Amino acid sequence: MAKLKIRPLDDRVVVEPAEAEERTAGGIVLPDTAKEKPQRGTVVAAGPGKLLDSGSRGELSVAVGDTVIFGKYGGTEIEIDGNEYKILHESDILAKVVS
């Protein structure tokens, strides 16, 4: 993957959503309008952490390369170089997928 030309601030992360499912479990092909919004993706950039009252930065719970699950309608969708990304606050991430 090419270097991402965006650096998130504070406790924000940039996530590349996984592709939406093309078929149902029964094998039915879904048109683009019926596909579910993906709720899983890979962290491709992370900010330095939230600035605390003490002046130090809080450490993020996720890192670049982690697979995460986020809220269906959370974050802001952006497009960079033809690729779709989401910018989320760390608190919008519901879980980290552990393999």
C-alpha atoms as a PDB file:
ATOM      1  CA  MET A   1       0.000   0.000   0.000  1.00  0.00           C
ATOM      2  CA  ALA A   2       1.238   3.489  -0.828  1.00  0.00           C
ATOM      3  CA  LYS A   3       1.903   5.940   1.983  1.00  0.00           C
ATOM      4  CA  LEU A   4      -1.324   7.634   3.020  1.00  0.00           C
ATOM      5  CA  LYS A   5      -1.238  11.403   2.493  1.00  0.00           C
ATOM      6  CA  ILE A   6      -3.199  12.201   5.642  1.00  0.00           C
ATOM      7  CA  ARG A   7      -2.245  12.402   9.317  1.00  0.00           C
ATOM      8  CA  PRO A   8      -5.120  12.249  11.821  1.00  0.00           C
ATOM      9  CA  LEU A   9      -5.112  14.527  14.862  1.00  0.00           C
ATOM     10  CA  ASP A  10      -5.531  13.690  18.555  1.00  0.00           C
ATOM     11  CA  ASP A  11      -7.451  10.432  19.150  1.00  0.00           C
ATOM     12  CA  ARG A  12      -8.629   9.993  15.572  1.00  0.00           C
ATOM     13  CA  VAL A  13      -7.790   7.037  13.339  1.00  0.00           C
ATOM     14  CA  VAL A  14      -8.136   6.474   9.596  1.00  0.00           C
ATOM     15  CA  VAL A  15      -9.700   3.120   8.703  1.00  0.00           C
ATOM     16  CA  GLU A  16      -9.899   1.462   5.307  1.00  0.00           C
ATOM     17  CA  PRO A  17     -13.270  -0.344   5.346  1.00  0.00           C
ATOM     18  CA  ALA A  18     -13.431  -3.959   4.218  1.00  0.00           C
ATOM     19  CA  GLU A  19     -15.289  -4.661   1.003  1.00  0.00           C
ATOM     20  CA  ALA A  20     -19.055  -5.143   1.288  1.00  0.00           C
ATOM     21  CA  GLU A  21     -20.306  -8.688   0.780  1.00  0.00           C
ATOM     22  CA  GLU A  22     -21.199  -9.473  -2.850  1.00  0.00           C
ATOM     23  CA  ARG A  23     -23.379 -12.500  -2.005  1.00  0.00           C
ATOM     24  CA  THR A  24     -25.594 -13.619   0.836  1.00  0.00           C
ATOM     25  CA  ALA A  25     -24.892 -16.812   2.785  1.00  0.00           C
ATOM     26  CA  GLY A  26     -27.425 -18.536   0.472  1.00  0.00           C
ATOM     27  CA  GLY A  27     -25.505 -17.460  -2.649  1.00  0.00           C
ATOM     28  CA  ILE A  28     -27.784 -14.628  -3.829  1.00  0.00           C
ATOM     29  CA  VAL A  29     -25.843 -11.866  -5.610  1.00  0.00           C
ATOM     30  CA  LEU A  30     -26.548  -8.457  -4.063  1.00  0.00           C
ATOM     31  CA  PRO A  31     -26.830  -5.260  -6.118  1.00  0.00           C
ATOM     32  CA  ASP A  32     -24.802  -2.250  -4.917  1.00  0.00           C
ATOM     33  CA  THR A  33     -27.892  -0.606  -3.403  1.00  0.00           C
ATOM     34  CA  ALA A  34     -28.641  -3.620  -1.169  1.00  0.00           C
ATOM     35  CA  LYS A  35     -25.135  -4.146   0.216  1.00  0.00           C
ATOM     36  CA  GLU A  36     -24.637  -3.571   3.935  1.00  0.00           C
ATOM     37  CA  LYS A  37     -22.242  -0.818   4.936  1.00  0.00           C
ATOM     38  CA  PRO A  38     -19.048  -2.513   6.106  1.00  0.00           C
ATOM     39  CA  GLN A  39     -18.455  -2.317   9.854  1.00  0.00           C
ATOM     40  CA  ARG A  40     -14.975  -3.812   9.779  1.00  0.00           C
ATOM     41  CA  GLY A  41     -11.763  -2.356   8.478  1.00  0.00           C
ATOM     42  CA  THR A  42      -8.020  -1.942   8.868  1.00  0.00           C
ATOM     43  CA  VAL A  43      -6.384   0.985  10.643  1.00  0.00           C
ATOM     44  CA  VAL A  44      -4.097   2.722   8.130  1.00  0.00           C
ATOM     45  CA  ALA A  45      -3.164   5.821  10.178  1.00  0.00           C
ATOM     46  CA  ALA A  46      -3.495   6.855  13.820  1.00  0.00           C
ATOM     47  CA  GLY A  47      -3.154  10.176  15.609  1.00  0.00           C
ATOM     48  CA  PRO A  48      -0.791  10.811  18.533  1.00  0.00           C
ATOM     49  CA  GLY A  49      -3.512  10.364  21.175  1.00  0.00           C
ATOM     50  CA  LYS A  50      -5.861  12.671  23.032  1.00  0.00           C
ATOM     51  CA  LEU A  51      -4.258  15.636  24.802  1.00  0.00           C
ATOM     52  CA  LEU A  52      -4.888  15.206  28.537  1.00  0.00           C
ATOM     53  CA  ASP A  53      -5.327  17.988  31.118  1.00  0.00           C
ATOM     54  CA  SER A  54      -1.830  17.216  32.403  1.00  0.00           C
ATOM     55  CA  GLY A  55      -0.372  18.159  28.997  1.00  0.00           C
ATOM     56  CA  SER A  56       0.648  14.594  28.116  1.00  0.00           C
ATOM     57  CA  ARG A  57      -0.950  12.447  25.423  1.00  0.00           C
ATOM     58  CA  GLY A  58      -3.203   9.466  26.134  1.00  0.00           C
ATOM     59  CA  GLU A  59      -2.106   6.274  24.392  1.00  0.00           C
ATOM     60  CA  LEU A  60      -4.391   4.848  21.698  1.00  0.00           C
ATOM     61  CA  SER A  61      -5.726   1.297  22.086  1.00  0.00           C
ATOM     62  CA  VAL A  62      -5.324   0.593  18.367  1.00  0.00           C
ATOM     63  CA  ALA A  63      -2.333   0.781  16.039  1.00  0.00           C
ATOM     64  CA  VAL A  64      -1.726   0.834  12.292  1.00  0.00           C
ATOM     65  CA  GLY A  65      -2.472  -2.605  10.857  1.00  0.00           C
ATOM     66  CA  ASP A  66      -5.114  -3.563  13.443  1.00  0.00           C
ATOM     67  CA  THR A  67      -8.461  -4.874  12.198  1.00  0.00           C
ATOM     68  CA  VAL A  68     -11.306  -3.099  13.987  1.00  0.00           C
ATOM     69  CA  ILE A  69     -15.089  -3.116  14.168  1.00  0.00           C
ATOM     70  CA  PHE A  70     -16.805   0.269  14.183  1.00  0.00           C
ATOM     71  CA  GLY A  71     -20.352   1.627  14.303  1.00  0.00           C
ATOM     72  CA  LYS A  72     -22.302   1.387  11.050  1.00  0.00           C
ATOM     73  CA  TYR A  73     -22.864   5.137  10.742  1.00  0.00           C
ATOM     74  CA  GLY A  74     -19.907   6.433  12.782  1.00  0.00           C
ATOM     75  CA  GLY A  75     -17.082   8.581  11.501  1.00  0.00           C
ATOM     76  CA  THR A  76     -16.610  10.672   8.392  1.00  0.00           C
ATOM     77  CA  GLU A  77     -16.208   9.086   4.967  1.00  0.00           C
ATOM     78  CA  ILE A  78     -13.480  10.521   2.740  1.00  0.00           C
ATOM     79  CA  GLU A  79     -11.895   9.587  -0.592  1.00  0.00           C
ATOM     80  CA  ILE A  80      -8.158   9.863  -1.244  1.00  0.00           C
ATOM     81  CA  ASP A  81      -6.623   8.831  -4.574  1.00  0.00           C
ATOM     82  CA  GLY A  82      -9.794   6.909  -5.478  1.00  0.00           C
ATOM     83  CA  ASN A  83      -9.849   4.870  -2.231  1.00  0.00           C
ATOM     84  CA  GLU A  84     -12.556   5.131   0.427  1.00  0.00           C
ATOM     85  CA  TYR A  85     -11.570   5.715   4.064  1.00  0.00           C
ATOM     86  CA  LYS A  86     -13.289   6.582   7.333  1.00  0.00           C
ATOM     87  CA  ILE A  87     -11.940   8.972   9.938  1.00  0.00           C
ATOM     88  CA  LEU A  88     -13.129   7.885  13.386  1.00  0.00           C
ATOM     89  CA  HIS A  89     -12.569   8.963  16.951  1.00  0.00           C
ATOM     90  CA  GLU A  90     -11.056   6.118  18.936  1.00  0.00           C
ATOM     91  CA  SER A  91     -14.303   6.017  20.937  1.00  0.00           C
ATOM     92  CA  ASP A  92     -16.239   5.205  17.705  1.00  0.00           C
ATOM     93  CA  ILE A  93     -14.296   1.922  17.456  1.00  0.00           C
ATOM     94  CA  LEU A  94     -16.266  -0.824  19.167  1.00  0.00           C
ATOM     95  CA  ALA A  95     -13.686  -3.619  19.173  1.00  0.00           C
ATOM     96  CA  LYS A  96     -10.328  -4.789  17.919  1.00  0.00           C
ATOM     97  CA  VAL A  97     -10.325  -8.147  16.112  1.00  0.00           C
ATOM     98  CA  VAL A  98      -7.806 -10.493  17.747  1.00  0.00           C
ATOM     99  CA  SER A  99      -6.590 -13.444  15.670  1.00  0.00           C
END
